[in-house]
């Protein structure tokens, strides 16, 4: 499939979780859980760029290993249990350079 439009994929992945500790990096069939979302986003060949928005250096390192961009760490103020994903996405889009070159963005949940 060809990349017809300039689309960016944003995967929000914070380190805190209410129910499962470290769920984004927990080993699931031999790989960190977040790796499946990253690999499938890249394999889809739809996105020009796959970005992980995280507050964790560990999630950042794992995400980069699997091919995602992590251009910055998300502030703690946008990483709590009651944070709205829309605010995380807006923060991410505002932090990115050359954002005007993208026509669309997609939010892909890591779990």
C-alpha atoms as a PDB file:
ATOM      1  CA  UNK A   1       0.000   0.000   0.000  1.00  0.00           C
ATOM      2  CA  UNK A   2       1.349   3.416  -0.911  1.00  0.00           C
ATOM      3  CA  UNK A   3       1.407   6.335   1.473  1.00  0.00           C
ATOM      4  CA  UNK A   4      -1.137   8.574  -0.240  1.00  0.00           C
ATOM      5  CA  UNK A   5      -1.434  11.270   2.382  1.00  0.00           C
ATOM      6  CA  UNK A   6       0.892  12.669   4.975  1.00  0.00           C
ATOM      7  CA  UNK A   7      -0.351  11.004   8.135  1.00  0.00           C
ATOM      8  CA  UNK A   8       1.302  10.876  11.531  1.00  0.00           C
ATOM      9  CA  UNK A   9       0.584   8.188  14.127  1.00  0.00           C
ATOM     10  CA  UNK A  10       0.755   9.113  17.815  1.00  0.00           C
ATOM     11  CA  UNK A  11       0.856   6.369  20.430  1.00  0.00           C
ATOM     12  CA  UNK A  12       0.255   7.686  23.976  1.00  0.00           C
ATOM     13  CA  UNK A  13       2.044   5.454  26.502  1.00  0.00           C
ATOM     14  CA  UNK A  14       2.560   6.565  30.070  1.00  0.00           C
ATOM     15  CA  UNK A  15       4.470   4.590  32.658  1.00  0.00           C
ATOM     16  CA  UNK A  16       1.772   4.650  35.338  1.00  0.00           C
ATOM     17  CA  UNK A  17      -1.161   2.278  35.249  1.00  0.00           C
ATOM     18  CA  UNK A  18      -3.910   1.746  37.762  1.00  0.00           C
ATOM     19  CA  UNK A  19      -4.420  -1.963  37.220  1.00  0.00           C
ATOM     20  CA  UNK A  20      -1.305  -3.526  35.652  1.00  0.00           C
ATOM     21  CA  UNK A  21       2.099  -2.235  36.714  1.00  0.00           C
ATOM     22  CA  UNK A  22       4.316  -1.299  33.723  1.00  0.00           C
ATOM     23  CA  UNK A  23       1.684  -2.634  31.312  1.00  0.00           C
ATOM     24  CA  UNK A  24       3.145  -0.912  28.230  1.00  0.00           C
ATOM     25  CA  UNK A  25       6.483  -2.666  28.663  1.00  0.00           C
ATOM     26  CA  UNK A  26       5.318  -5.937  30.195  1.00  0.00           C
ATOM     27  CA  UNK A  27       6.588  -9.008  28.341  1.00  0.00           C
ATOM     28  CA  UNK A  28       3.812 -10.387  26.150  1.00  0.00           C
ATOM     29  CA  UNK A  29       4.783 -13.458  24.127  1.00  0.00           C
ATOM     30  CA  UNK A  30       8.444 -12.473  24.189  1.00  0.00           C
ATOM     31  CA  UNK A  31       8.161  -8.746  23.421  1.00  0.00           C
ATOM     32  CA  UNK A  32       7.064  -5.591  25.260  1.00  0.00           C
ATOM     33  CA  UNK A  33       3.345  -4.964  24.801  1.00  0.00           C
ATOM     34  CA  UNK A  34       3.893  -1.553  23.178  1.00  0.00           C
ATOM     35  CA  UNK A  35       6.066  -3.134  20.470  1.00  0.00           C
ATOM     36  CA  UNK A  36       3.001  -4.699  18.824  1.00  0.00           C
ATOM     37  CA  UNK A  37       1.347  -1.319  18.242  1.00  0.00           C
ATOM     38  CA  UNK A  38       4.566   0.212  16.933  1.00  0.00           C
ATOM     39  CA  UNK A  39       5.368  -2.686  14.613  1.00  0.00           C
ATOM     40  CA  UNK A  40       1.837  -2.830  13.202  1.00  0.00           C
ATOM     41  CA  UNK A  41       1.701   0.923  12.639  1.00  0.00           C
ATOM     42  CA  UNK A  42       5.005   0.753  10.760  1.00  0.00           C
ATOM     43  CA  UNK A  43       4.005  -2.374   8.824  1.00  0.00           C
ATOM     44  CA  UNK A  44       0.736  -0.794   7.711  1.00  0.00           C
ATOM     45  CA  UNK A  45       2.758   1.621   5.574  1.00  0.00           C
ATOM     46  CA  UNK A  46       0.030   4.215   6.118  1.00  0.00           C
ATOM     47  CA  UNK A  47       1.984   6.588   8.320  1.00  0.00           C
ATOM     48  CA  UNK A  48       4.867   8.820   7.408  1.00  0.00           C
ATOM     49  CA  UNK A  49       5.916   8.893  11.045  1.00  0.00           C
ATOM     50  CA  UNK A  50       5.068   6.869  14.184  1.00  0.00           C
ATOM     51  CA  UNK A  51       5.571   8.811  17.414  1.00  0.00           C
ATOM     52  CA  UNK A  52       5.276   7.616  20.997  1.00  0.00           C
ATOM     53  CA  UNK A  53       4.268  10.222  23.565  1.00  0.00           C
ATOM     54  CA  UNK A  54       5.538   9.030  26.941  1.00  0.00           C
ATOM     55  CA  UNK A  55       6.748  10.230  30.314  1.00  0.00           C
ATOM     56  CA  UNK A  56       9.151   7.288  30.699  1.00  0.00           C
ATOM     57  CA  UNK A  57      12.759   6.939  29.551  1.00  0.00           C
ATOM     58  CA  UNK A  58      12.344   3.167  29.597  1.00  0.00           C
ATOM     59  CA  UNK A  59       9.274   3.264  27.328  1.00  0.00           C
ATOM     60  CA  UNK A  60      11.126   5.768  25.147  1.00  0.00           C
ATOM     61  CA  UNK A  61      14.128   3.464  24.719  1.00  0.00           C
ATOM     62  CA  UNK A  62      11.951   0.430  23.964  1.00  0.00           C
ATOM     63  CA  UNK A  63       9.850   2.424  21.490  1.00  0.00           C
ATOM     64  CA  UNK A  64      12.949   3.617  19.637  1.00  0.00           C
ATOM     65  CA  UNK A  65      14.260   0.043  19.507  1.00  0.00           C
ATOM     66  CA  UNK A  66      11.077  -0.997  17.686  1.00  0.00           C
ATOM     67  CA  UNK A  67      11.239   1.892  15.211  1.00  0.00           C
ATOM     68  CA  UNK A  68       9.117   4.681  16.689  1.00  0.00           C
ATOM     69  CA  UNK A  69      10.226   8.275  17.103  1.00  0.00           C
ATOM     70  CA  UNK A  70      10.237   9.705  20.624  1.00  0.00           C
ATOM     71  CA  UNK A  71      11.304  13.319  20.114  1.00  0.00           C
ATOM     72  CA  UNK A  72      10.604  14.391  23.716  1.00  0.00           C
ATOM     73  CA  UNK A  73       9.340  13.130  27.065  1.00  0.00           C
ATOM     74  CA  UNK A  74       5.839  14.141  28.067  1.00  0.00           C
ATOM     75  CA  UNK A  75       5.609  16.291  31.221  1.00  0.00           C
ATOM     76  CA  UNK A  76       4.322  14.692  34.420  1.00  0.00           C
ATOM     77  CA  UNK A  77       1.382  17.119  34.348  1.00  0.00           C
ATOM     78  CA  UNK A  78       0.081  15.193  31.312  1.00  0.00           C
ATOM     79  CA  UNK A  79       0.697  11.719  32.680  1.00  0.00           C
ATOM     80  CA  UNK A  80      -1.782  11.202  35.499  1.00  0.00           C
ATOM     81  CA  UNK A  81      -4.821   8.945  35.781  1.00  0.00           C
ATOM     82  CA  UNK A  82      -7.288  11.732  35.017  1.00  0.00           C
ATOM     83  CA  UNK A  83      -5.575  13.225  31.971  1.00  0.00           C
ATOM     84  CA  UNK A  84      -7.634  13.454  28.799  1.00  0.00           C
ATOM     85  CA  UNK A  85      -5.960  11.894  25.758  1.00  0.00           C
ATOM     86  CA  UNK A  86      -6.966  14.909  23.680  1.00  0.00           C
ATOM     87  CA  UNK A  87      -4.680  17.068  25.833  1.00  0.00           C
ATOM     88  CA  UNK A  88      -1.793  14.627  25.333  1.00  0.00           C
ATOM     89  CA  UNK A  89      -2.311  14.691  21.568  1.00  0.00           C
ATOM     90  CA  UNK A  90      -2.499  18.496  21.447  1.00  0.00           C
ATOM     91  CA  UNK A  91       0.706  18.716  23.493  1.00  0.00           C
ATOM     92  CA  UNK A  92       2.448  16.292  21.150  1.00  0.00           C
ATOM     93  CA  UNK A  93       1.315  18.114  18.010  1.00  0.00           C
ATOM     94  CA  UNK A  94       2.393  21.473  19.460  1.00  0.00           C
ATOM     95  CA  UNK A  95       5.868  20.105  20.286  1.00  0.00           C
ATOM     96  CA  UNK A  96       6.518  18.649  16.837  1.00  0.00           C
ATOM     97  CA  UNK A  97       8.422  20.608  14.238  1.00  0.00           C
ATOM     98  CA  UNK A  98       7.089  20.802  10.673  1.00  0.00           C
ATOM     99  CA  UNK A  99       3.625  19.729  11.839  1.00  0.00           C
ATOM    100  CA  UNK A 100       1.986  21.683   9.026  1.00  0.00           C
ATOM    101  CA  UNK A 101       3.329  19.184   6.496  1.00  0.00           C
ATOM    102  CA  UNK A 102       0.942  16.521   7.852  1.00  0.00           C
ATOM    103  CA  UNK A 103      -2.652  16.334   6.651  1.00  0.00           C
ATOM    104  CA  UNK A 104      -3.952  13.955   9.329  1.00  0.00           C
ATOM    105  CA  UNK A 105      -2.977  12.333  12.569  1.00  0.00           C
ATOM    106  CA  UNK A 106      -4.101   9.085  14.141  1.00  0.00           C
ATOM    107  CA  UNK A 107      -4.122   8.123  17.805  1.00  0.00           C
ATOM    108  CA  UNK A 108      -3.249   4.456  18.274  1.00  0.00           C
ATOM    109  CA  UNK A 109      -3.549   3.045  21.769  1.00  0.00           C
ATOM    110  CA  UNK A 110      -0.677   0.786  22.840  1.00  0.00           C
ATOM    111  CA  UNK A 111      -2.778  -1.789  24.703  1.00  0.00           C
END
